[in-house]
């Protein structure tokens, strides 16, 4: 397994469950990943949202991507890493081209609302299937 398999799986299954910490309380929510490539997994959020505050205070996160299967078990990819916030004009322009609705959401929010772009660029990923049920530590890992 190499990182290209992780990129392909994420782009084919972009709904991501993102885990963060809010003080000592774990939080998880579904996110629509923007894209993944050889430089990481890319997302965006509004600065008034709880996730922005949580990852600003503690950038460690775990991402979970899931592809269902007819038998119900499916295949999951888990990614552990740290969030990096991005300030890049070209990337922001791409975001507004790819997801035109993002600008409207920011305009409708509080006056100080902004879009925060972030990625997980370094960490460890592995796939889980029933083959590794009860043995997930044995699942092959890929560092990126």
N, C-alpha and C. Protein backbone atom coordinates (compact mmCIF):
# COMPACT_ATOMS: atom_id res chain seq x y z
N UNK A 1 0.85 -1.17 0.00
CA UNK A 1 0.00 0.00 0.00
C UNK A 1 0.89 1.24 0.00
N UNK A 2 0.48 2.25 -0.78
CA UNK A 2 1.20 3.52 -0.75
C UNK A 2 0.18 4.67 -0.65
N UNK A 3 0.70 5.87 -0.52
CA UNK A 3 -0.16 7.02 -0.28
C UNK A 3 -1.12 7.29 -1.44
N UNK A 4 -0.76 6.91 -2.65
CA UNK A 4 -1.66 7.14 -3.79
C UNK A 4 -2.97 6.37 -3.62
N UNK A 5 -2.93 5.21 -2.98
CA UNK A 5 -4.15 4.46 -2.71
C UNK A 5 -5.03 5.22 -1.70
N UNK A 6 -4.40 5.87 -0.75
CA UNK A 6 -5.14 6.67 0.25
C UNK A 6 -5.81 7.87 -0.42
N UNK A 7 -5.08 8.53 -1.31
CA UNK A 7 -5.63 9.69 -2.04
C UNK A 7 -6.84 9.26 -2.86
N UNK A 8 -6.70 8.17 -3.60
CA UNK A 8 -7.81 7.69 -4.44
C UNK A 8 -9.03 7.33 -3.60
N UNK A 9 -8.82 6.65 -2.48
CA UNK A 9 -9.93 6.26 -1.61
C UNK A 9 -10.64 7.49 -1.06
N UNK A 10 -9.88 8.48 -0.61
CA UNK A 10 -10.47 9.70 -0.05
C UNK A 10 -11.27 10.46 -1.10
N UNK A 11 -10.73 10.59 -2.29
CA UNK A 11 -11.45 11.32 -3.34
C UNK A 11 -12.70 10.57 -3.80
N UNK A 12 -12.68 9.24 -3.74
CA UNK A 12 -13.86 8.45 -4.11
C UNK A 12 -14.91 8.43 -3.00
N UNK A 13 -14.48 8.69 -1.77
CA UNK A 13 -15.37 8.65 -0.60
C UNK A 13 -15.12 9.90 0.24
N UNK A 14 -15.52 11.08 -0.26
CA UNK A 14 -15.10 12.34 0.38
C UNK A 14 -15.79 12.68 1.69
N UNK A 15 -16.87 12.00 2.04
CA UNK A 15 -17.49 12.29 3.34
C UNK A 15 -16.54 11.76 4.41
N UNK A 16 -16.11 12.67 5.26
CA UNK A 16 -15.09 12.37 6.27
C UNK A 16 -15.66 12.63 7.64
N UNK A 17 -15.38 11.75 8.57
CA UNK A 17 -15.69 12.01 9.96
C UNK A 17 -14.41 12.54 10.58
N UNK A 18 -14.49 13.76 11.12
CA UNK A 18 -13.32 14.43 11.69
C UNK A 18 -13.48 14.45 13.21
N UNK A 19 -12.48 13.94 13.90
CA UNK A 19 -12.48 13.93 15.37
C UNK A 19 -11.56 15.03 15.88
N UNK A 20 -12.06 15.75 16.89
CA UNK A 20 -11.29 16.81 17.54
C UNK A 20 -11.53 16.70 19.05
N UNK A 21 -10.83 17.54 19.78
CA UNK A 21 -11.05 17.64 21.22
C UNK A 21 -11.54 19.04 21.56
N UNK A 22 -12.54 19.10 22.42
CA UNK A 22 -13.09 20.35 22.94
C UNK A 22 -12.87 20.31 24.44
N UNK A 23 -11.71 20.80 24.87
CA UNK A 23 -11.31 20.59 26.27
C UNK A 23 -11.03 19.12 26.45
N UNK A 24 -11.78 18.47 27.36
CA UNK A 24 -11.60 17.02 27.55
C UNK A 24 -12.73 16.22 26.89
N UNK A 25 -13.55 16.89 26.08
CA UNK A 25 -14.69 16.23 25.42
C UNK A 25 -14.37 15.96 23.95
N UNK A 26 -14.34 14.69 23.53
CA UNK A 26 -14.16 14.41 22.11
C UNK A 26 -15.36 14.90 21.31
N UNK A 27 -15.10 15.37 20.10
CA UNK A 27 -16.15 15.80 19.18
C UNK A 27 -15.87 15.16 17.83
N UNK A 28 -16.93 14.74 17.16
CA UNK A 28 -16.80 14.18 15.82
C UNK A 28 -17.95 14.71 14.98
N UNK A 29 -17.65 14.97 13.72
CA UNK A 29 -18.70 15.42 12.81
C UNK A 29 -18.32 15.02 11.39
N UNK A 30 -19.35 14.94 10.53
CA UNK A 30 -19.11 14.62 9.13
C UNK A 30 -18.76 15.90 8.39
N UNK A 31 -17.81 15.80 7.49
CA UNK A 31 -17.36 16.92 6.67
C UNK A 31 -17.29 16.44 5.23
N UNK A 32 -17.54 17.32 4.30
CA UNK A 32 -17.32 17.02 2.89
C UNK A 32 -15.91 17.46 2.54
N UNK A 33 -14.99 16.51 2.43
CA UNK A 33 -13.62 16.84 2.08
C UNK A 33 -13.62 17.62 0.78
N UNK A 34 -12.78 18.60 0.67
CA UNK A 34 -12.67 19.38 -0.56
C UNK A 34 -11.93 18.57 -1.62
N UNK A 35 -10.70 18.15 -1.32
CA UNK A 35 -9.95 17.28 -2.23
C UNK A 35 -8.76 16.69 -1.49
N UNK A 36 -8.20 15.66 -2.09
CA UNK A 36 -6.95 15.07 -1.57
C UNK A 36 -5.99 14.94 -2.74
N UNK A 37 -4.73 15.19 -2.46
CA UNK A 37 -3.68 14.95 -3.45
C UNK A 37 -2.40 14.57 -2.69
N UNK A 38 -1.28 14.53 -3.40
CA UNK A 38 -0.04 14.09 -2.78
C UNK A 38 0.44 15.02 -1.66
N UNK A 39 -0.20 16.20 -1.52
CA UNK A 39 0.18 17.14 -0.46
C UNK A 39 -0.74 17.07 0.75
N UNK A 40 -1.76 16.22 0.71
CA UNK A 40 -2.61 16.06 1.88
C UNK A 40 -4.10 16.02 1.59
N UNK A 41 -4.87 16.07 2.67
CA UNK A 41 -6.34 16.04 2.64
C UNK A 41 -6.81 17.46 2.97
N UNK A 42 -7.59 18.07 2.09
CA UNK A 42 -7.95 19.49 2.19
C UNK A 42 -9.41 19.69 2.59
N UNK A 43 -9.61 20.68 3.46
CA UNK A 43 -10.92 21.03 3.99
C UNK A 43 -11.02 22.54 4.15
N UNK A 44 -12.22 22.99 4.46
CA UNK A 44 -12.43 24.40 4.80
C UNK A 44 -13.59 24.46 5.78
N UNK A 45 -13.59 25.52 6.57
CA UNK A 45 -14.67 25.75 7.53
C UNK A 45 -14.78 27.24 7.79
N UNK A 46 -15.84 27.64 8.44
CA UNK A 46 -16.00 29.03 8.85
C UNK A 46 -15.36 29.26 10.20
N UNK A 47 -14.76 30.43 10.39
CA UNK A 47 -14.08 30.72 11.65
C UNK A 47 -15.02 30.80 12.85
N UNK A 48 -16.34 31.09 12.70
CA UNK A 48 -17.19 31.08 13.89
C UNK A 48 -17.54 29.68 14.41
N UNK A 49 -17.23 28.64 13.64
CA UNK A 49 -17.65 27.29 14.01
C UNK A 49 -16.77 26.69 15.09
N UNK A 50 -17.35 25.78 15.86
CA UNK A 50 -16.64 25.12 16.95
C UNK A 50 -15.41 24.37 16.49
N UNK A 51 -15.47 23.73 15.33
CA UNK A 51 -14.31 22.95 14.86
C UNK A 51 -13.11 23.86 14.66
N UNK A 52 -13.34 25.08 14.19
CA UNK A 52 -12.22 26.00 13.99
C UNK A 52 -11.52 26.30 15.32
N UNK A 53 -12.30 26.57 16.32
CA UNK A 53 -11.74 26.83 17.65
C UNK A 53 -11.01 25.60 18.18
N UNK A 54 -11.60 24.44 18.00
CA UNK A 54 -11.02 23.20 18.53
C UNK A 54 -9.68 22.88 17.87
N UNK A 55 -9.60 22.96 16.54
CA UNK A 55 -8.34 22.61 15.88
C UNK A 55 -7.31 23.73 15.99
N UNK A 56 -7.77 24.95 16.30
CA UNK A 56 -6.81 26.02 16.58
C UNK A 56 -6.10 25.75 17.90
N UNK A 57 -6.84 25.26 18.88
CA UNK A 57 -6.27 24.98 20.21
C UNK A 57 -5.48 23.67 20.22
N UNK A 58 -5.96 22.68 19.49
CA UNK A 58 -5.30 21.37 19.46
C UNK A 58 -5.40 20.84 18.03
N UNK A 59 -4.34 20.97 17.25
CA UNK A 59 -4.41 20.57 15.84
C UNK A 59 -4.40 19.06 15.58
N UNK A 60 -4.20 18.25 16.62
CA UNK A 60 -4.22 16.80 16.41
C UNK A 60 -5.64 16.36 16.06
N UNK A 61 -5.74 15.49 15.06
CA UNK A 61 -7.05 15.03 14.61
C UNK A 61 -6.95 13.61 14.08
N UNK A 62 -8.12 13.01 13.93
CA UNK A 62 -8.21 11.76 13.20
C UNK A 62 -9.35 11.91 12.21
N UNK A 63 -9.10 11.47 10.98
CA UNK A 63 -10.08 11.48 9.91
C UNK A 63 -10.51 10.04 9.66
N UNK A 64 -11.77 9.85 9.31
CA UNK A 64 -12.26 8.52 8.97
C UNK A 64 -13.10 8.61 7.71
N UNK A 65 -12.69 7.87 6.69
CA UNK A 65 -13.41 7.78 5.42
C UNK A 65 -14.01 6.38 5.36
N UNK A 66 -15.22 6.26 4.80
CA UNK A 66 -15.90 4.97 4.79
C UNK A 66 -16.55 4.71 3.45
N UNK A 67 -16.36 3.51 2.95
CA UNK A 67 -17.02 3.04 1.73
C UNK A 67 -17.88 1.84 2.11
N UNK A 68 -19.20 1.97 2.01
CA UNK A 68 -20.06 0.84 2.36
C UNK A 68 -19.91 -0.32 1.38
N UNK A 69 -20.35 -1.48 1.81
CA UNK A 69 -20.36 -2.65 0.94
C UNK A 69 -21.69 -3.38 1.13
N UNK A 70 -22.06 -4.23 0.18
CA UNK A 70 -23.34 -4.93 0.29
C UNK A 70 -23.48 -5.77 1.56
N UNK A 71 -22.37 -6.29 2.09
CA UNK A 71 -22.45 -7.12 3.29
C UNK A 71 -22.55 -6.29 4.57
N UNK A 72 -22.43 -4.97 4.44
CA UNK A 72 -22.59 -4.09 5.60
C UNK A 72 -21.30 -3.73 6.31
N UNK A 73 -20.22 -4.48 6.09
CA UNK A 73 -18.98 -4.20 6.81
C UNK A 73 -18.22 -3.03 6.19
N UNK A 74 -18.14 -2.99 4.89
CA UNK A 74 -17.48 -1.91 4.20
C UNK A 74 -15.98 -1.87 4.41
N UNK A 75 -15.42 -0.76 3.98
CA UNK A 75 -13.98 -0.52 4.10
C UNK A 75 -13.80 0.89 4.65
N UNK A 76 -12.91 1.04 5.58
CA UNK A 76 -12.68 2.31 6.24
C UNK A 76 -11.21 2.67 6.10
N UNK A 77 -10.95 3.98 5.95
CA UNK A 77 -9.58 4.45 6.02
C UNK A 77 -9.50 5.46 7.16
N UNK A 78 -8.57 5.22 8.07
CA UNK A 78 -8.36 6.12 9.20
C UNK A 78 -7.03 6.83 9.01
N UNK A 79 -7.05 8.14 9.27
CA UNK A 79 -5.88 8.98 9.07
C UNK A 79 -5.64 9.75 10.36
N UNK A 80 -4.49 9.61 10.95
CA UNK A 80 -4.13 10.39 12.14
C UNK A 80 -3.06 11.40 11.74
N UNK A 81 -3.24 12.64 12.17
CA UNK A 81 -2.26 13.67 11.84
C UNK A 81 -2.61 14.97 12.52
N UNK A 82 -1.98 16.03 12.08
CA UNK A 82 -2.24 17.36 12.63
C UNK A 82 -2.70 18.30 11.52
N UNK A 83 -3.59 19.18 11.89
CA UNK A 83 -4.13 20.17 10.96
C UNK A 83 -3.11 21.29 10.75
N UNK A 84 -3.01 21.73 9.50
CA UNK A 84 -2.24 22.92 9.14
C UNK A 84 -3.22 23.89 8.50
N UNK A 85 -3.28 25.12 9.01
CA UNK A 85 -4.11 26.14 8.38
C UNK A 85 -3.34 26.72 7.19
N UNK A 86 -4.08 27.09 6.16
CA UNK A 86 -3.47 27.56 4.91
C UNK A 86 -3.93 28.98 4.60
N UNK A 87 -3.00 29.81 4.23
CA UNK A 87 -3.32 31.15 3.74
C UNK A 87 -2.62 31.29 2.41
N UNK A 88 -3.34 31.01 1.35
CA UNK A 88 -2.79 31.00 0.01
C UNK A 88 -3.87 31.55 -0.92
N UNK A 89 -3.59 32.68 -1.55
CA UNK A 89 -4.58 33.34 -2.40
C UNK A 89 -5.02 32.45 -3.55
N UNK A 90 -4.09 31.78 -4.21
CA UNK A 90 -4.45 30.91 -5.34
C UNK A 90 -5.34 29.76 -4.88
N UNK A 91 -5.05 29.21 -3.71
CA UNK A 91 -5.87 28.13 -3.18
C UNK A 91 -7.27 28.64 -2.81
N UNK A 92 -7.33 29.83 -2.24
CA UNK A 92 -8.63 30.41 -1.90
C UNK A 92 -9.45 30.67 -3.16
N UNK A 93 -8.82 31.17 -4.22
CA UNK A 93 -9.52 31.37 -5.49
C UNK A 93 -10.04 30.05 -6.03
N UNK A 94 -9.24 29.00 -5.90
CA UNK A 94 -9.69 27.67 -6.33
C UNK A 94 -10.91 27.22 -5.53
N UNK A 95 -10.87 27.46 -4.22
CA UNK A 95 -12.01 27.09 -3.37
C UNK A 95 -13.29 27.76 -3.87
N UNK A 96 -13.22 29.06 -4.16
CA UNK A 96 -14.41 29.78 -4.61
C UNK A 96 -14.85 29.36 -6.01
N UNK A 97 -13.92 28.87 -6.82
CA UNK A 97 -14.31 28.31 -8.13
C UNK A 97 -14.95 26.94 -7.95
N UNK A 98 -14.34 26.10 -7.11
CA UNK A 98 -14.84 24.74 -6.91
C UNK A 98 -16.15 24.71 -6.15
N UNK A 99 -16.28 25.59 -5.16
CA UNK A 99 -17.45 25.60 -4.28
C UNK A 99 -17.97 27.03 -4.13
N UNK A 100 -18.66 27.46 -5.16
CA UNK A 100 -19.15 28.85 -5.20
C UNK A 100 -20.02 29.20 -4.00
N UNK A 101 -20.70 28.24 -3.42
CA UNK A 101 -21.60 28.48 -2.30
C UNK A 101 -20.88 28.88 -1.02
N UNK A 102 -19.58 28.65 -0.95
CA UNK A 102 -18.83 28.98 0.27
C UNK A 102 -18.85 30.48 0.54
N UNK A 103 -18.67 31.29 -0.49
CA UNK A 103 -18.70 32.75 -0.31
C UNK A 103 -20.03 33.21 0.26
N UNK A 104 -21.13 32.61 -0.22
CA UNK A 104 -22.46 32.98 0.27
C UNK A 104 -22.62 32.64 1.75
N UNK A 105 -22.09 31.51 2.16
CA UNK A 105 -22.19 31.13 3.57
C UNK A 105 -21.45 32.13 4.47
N UNK A 106 -20.27 32.55 4.03
CA UNK A 106 -19.49 33.49 4.82
C UNK A 106 -20.22 34.83 4.90
N UNK A 107 -20.78 35.29 3.79
CA UNK A 107 -21.52 36.56 3.78
C UNK A 107 -22.72 36.52 4.70
N UNK A 108 -23.35 35.35 4.83
CA UNK A 108 -24.55 35.21 5.67
C UNK A 108 -24.21 35.07 7.15
N UNK A 109 -22.95 34.84 7.46
CA UNK A 109 -22.55 34.64 8.85
C UNK A 109 -22.28 35.95 9.56
N UNK A 110 -21.70 35.88 10.75
CA UNK A 110 -21.34 37.09 11.49
C UNK A 110 -20.38 37.97 10.68
N UNK A 111 -20.33 39.24 10.99
CA UNK A 111 -19.50 40.19 10.23
C UNK A 111 -18.02 39.80 10.19
N UNK A 112 -17.53 39.20 11.25
CA UNK A 112 -16.11 38.84 11.30
C UNK A 112 -15.83 37.42 10.79
N UNK A 113 -16.83 36.77 10.21
CA UNK A 113 -16.66 35.40 9.71
C UNK A 113 -15.71 35.37 8.51
N UNK A 114 -14.85 34.38 8.52
CA UNK A 114 -13.93 34.16 7.41
C UNK A 114 -13.90 32.66 7.11
N UNK A 115 -13.35 32.35 5.96
CA UNK A 115 -13.14 30.94 5.61
C UNK A 115 -11.74 30.55 6.06
N UNK A 116 -11.65 29.45 6.74
CA UNK A 116 -10.36 28.88 7.13
C UNK A 116 -10.14 27.63 6.31
N UNK A 117 -9.07 27.63 5.52
CA UNK A 117 -8.71 26.44 4.75
C UNK A 117 -7.67 25.67 5.57
N UNK A 118 -7.81 24.35 5.58
CA UNK A 118 -6.85 23.55 6.32
C UNK A 118 -6.64 22.21 5.64
N UNK A 119 -5.54 21.58 6.02
CA UNK A 119 -5.23 20.26 5.48
C UNK A 119 -4.55 19.43 6.55
N UNK A 120 -4.58 18.13 6.33
CA UNK A 120 -3.76 17.20 7.08
C UNK A 120 -2.73 16.70 6.07
N UNK A 121 -1.49 17.15 6.26
CA UNK A 121 -0.44 16.90 5.28
C UNK A 121 0.56 15.83 5.71
N UNK A 122 0.60 15.55 7.00
CA UNK A 122 1.57 14.57 7.51
C UNK A 122 0.88 13.71 8.56
N UNK A 123 1.17 12.44 8.52
CA UNK A 123 0.59 11.55 9.52
C UNK A 123 0.72 10.11 9.10
N UNK A 124 -0.29 9.34 9.50
CA UNK A 124 -0.30 7.91 9.24
C UNK A 124 -1.72 7.50 8.86
N UNK A 125 -1.81 6.64 7.86
CA UNK A 125 -3.12 6.15 7.41
C UNK A 125 -3.10 4.63 7.34
N UNK A 126 -4.29 4.06 7.53
CA UNK A 126 -4.42 2.62 7.32
C UNK A 126 -5.87 2.31 6.95
N UNK A 127 -6.03 1.17 6.29
CA UNK A 127 -7.36 0.69 5.90
C UNK A 127 -7.81 -0.38 6.88
N UNK A 128 -9.09 -0.33 7.18
CA UNK A 128 -9.70 -1.34 8.03
C UNK A 128 -10.77 -2.04 7.22
N UNK A 129 -10.76 -3.36 7.28
CA UNK A 129 -11.83 -4.22 6.76
C UNK A 129 -12.06 -5.30 7.81
N UNK A 130 -13.04 -6.14 7.58
CA UNK A 130 -13.29 -7.23 8.52
C UNK A 130 -12.07 -8.13 8.68
N UNK A 131 -11.20 -8.15 7.68
CA UNK A 131 -9.97 -8.93 7.78
C UNK A 131 -9.15 -8.52 9.01
N UNK A 132 -9.24 -7.25 9.37
CA UNK A 132 -8.47 -6.75 10.52
C UNK A 132 -9.33 -6.53 11.76
N UNK A 133 -10.55 -7.01 11.74
CA UNK A 133 -11.41 -6.90 12.91
C UNK A 133 -10.73 -7.61 14.08
N UNK A 134 -10.65 -6.93 15.21
CA UNK A 134 -10.01 -7.45 16.41
C UNK A 134 -8.48 -7.48 16.30
N UNK A 135 -7.94 -7.03 15.15
CA UNK A 135 -6.49 -7.02 14.95
C UNK A 135 -6.05 -5.74 14.24
N UNK A 136 -6.69 -4.62 14.51
CA UNK A 136 -6.42 -3.43 13.72
C UNK A 136 -4.97 -2.94 13.84
N UNK A 137 -4.29 -3.28 14.91
CA UNK A 137 -2.86 -2.90 15.03
C UNK A 137 -2.00 -3.58 13.98
N UNK A 138 -2.50 -4.67 13.41
CA UNK A 138 -1.75 -5.40 12.40
C UNK A 138 -1.97 -4.86 10.99
N UNK A 139 -2.95 -3.97 10.81
CA UNK A 139 -3.23 -3.41 9.48
C UNK A 139 -2.02 -2.61 9.01
N UNK A 140 -1.58 -2.81 7.76
CA UNK A 140 -0.43 -2.07 7.25
C UNK A 140 -0.68 -0.56 7.28
N UNK A 141 0.34 0.18 7.67
CA UNK A 141 0.25 1.64 7.78
C UNK A 141 1.07 2.28 6.65
N UNK A 142 0.65 3.47 6.28
CA UNK A 142 1.45 4.28 5.36
C UNK A 142 1.65 5.64 6.02
N UNK A 143 2.91 6.06 6.06
CA UNK A 143 3.25 7.39 6.59
C UNK A 143 3.30 8.35 5.41
N UNK A 144 2.81 9.53 5.63
CA UNK A 144 2.84 10.53 4.56
C UNK A 144 3.25 11.87 5.12
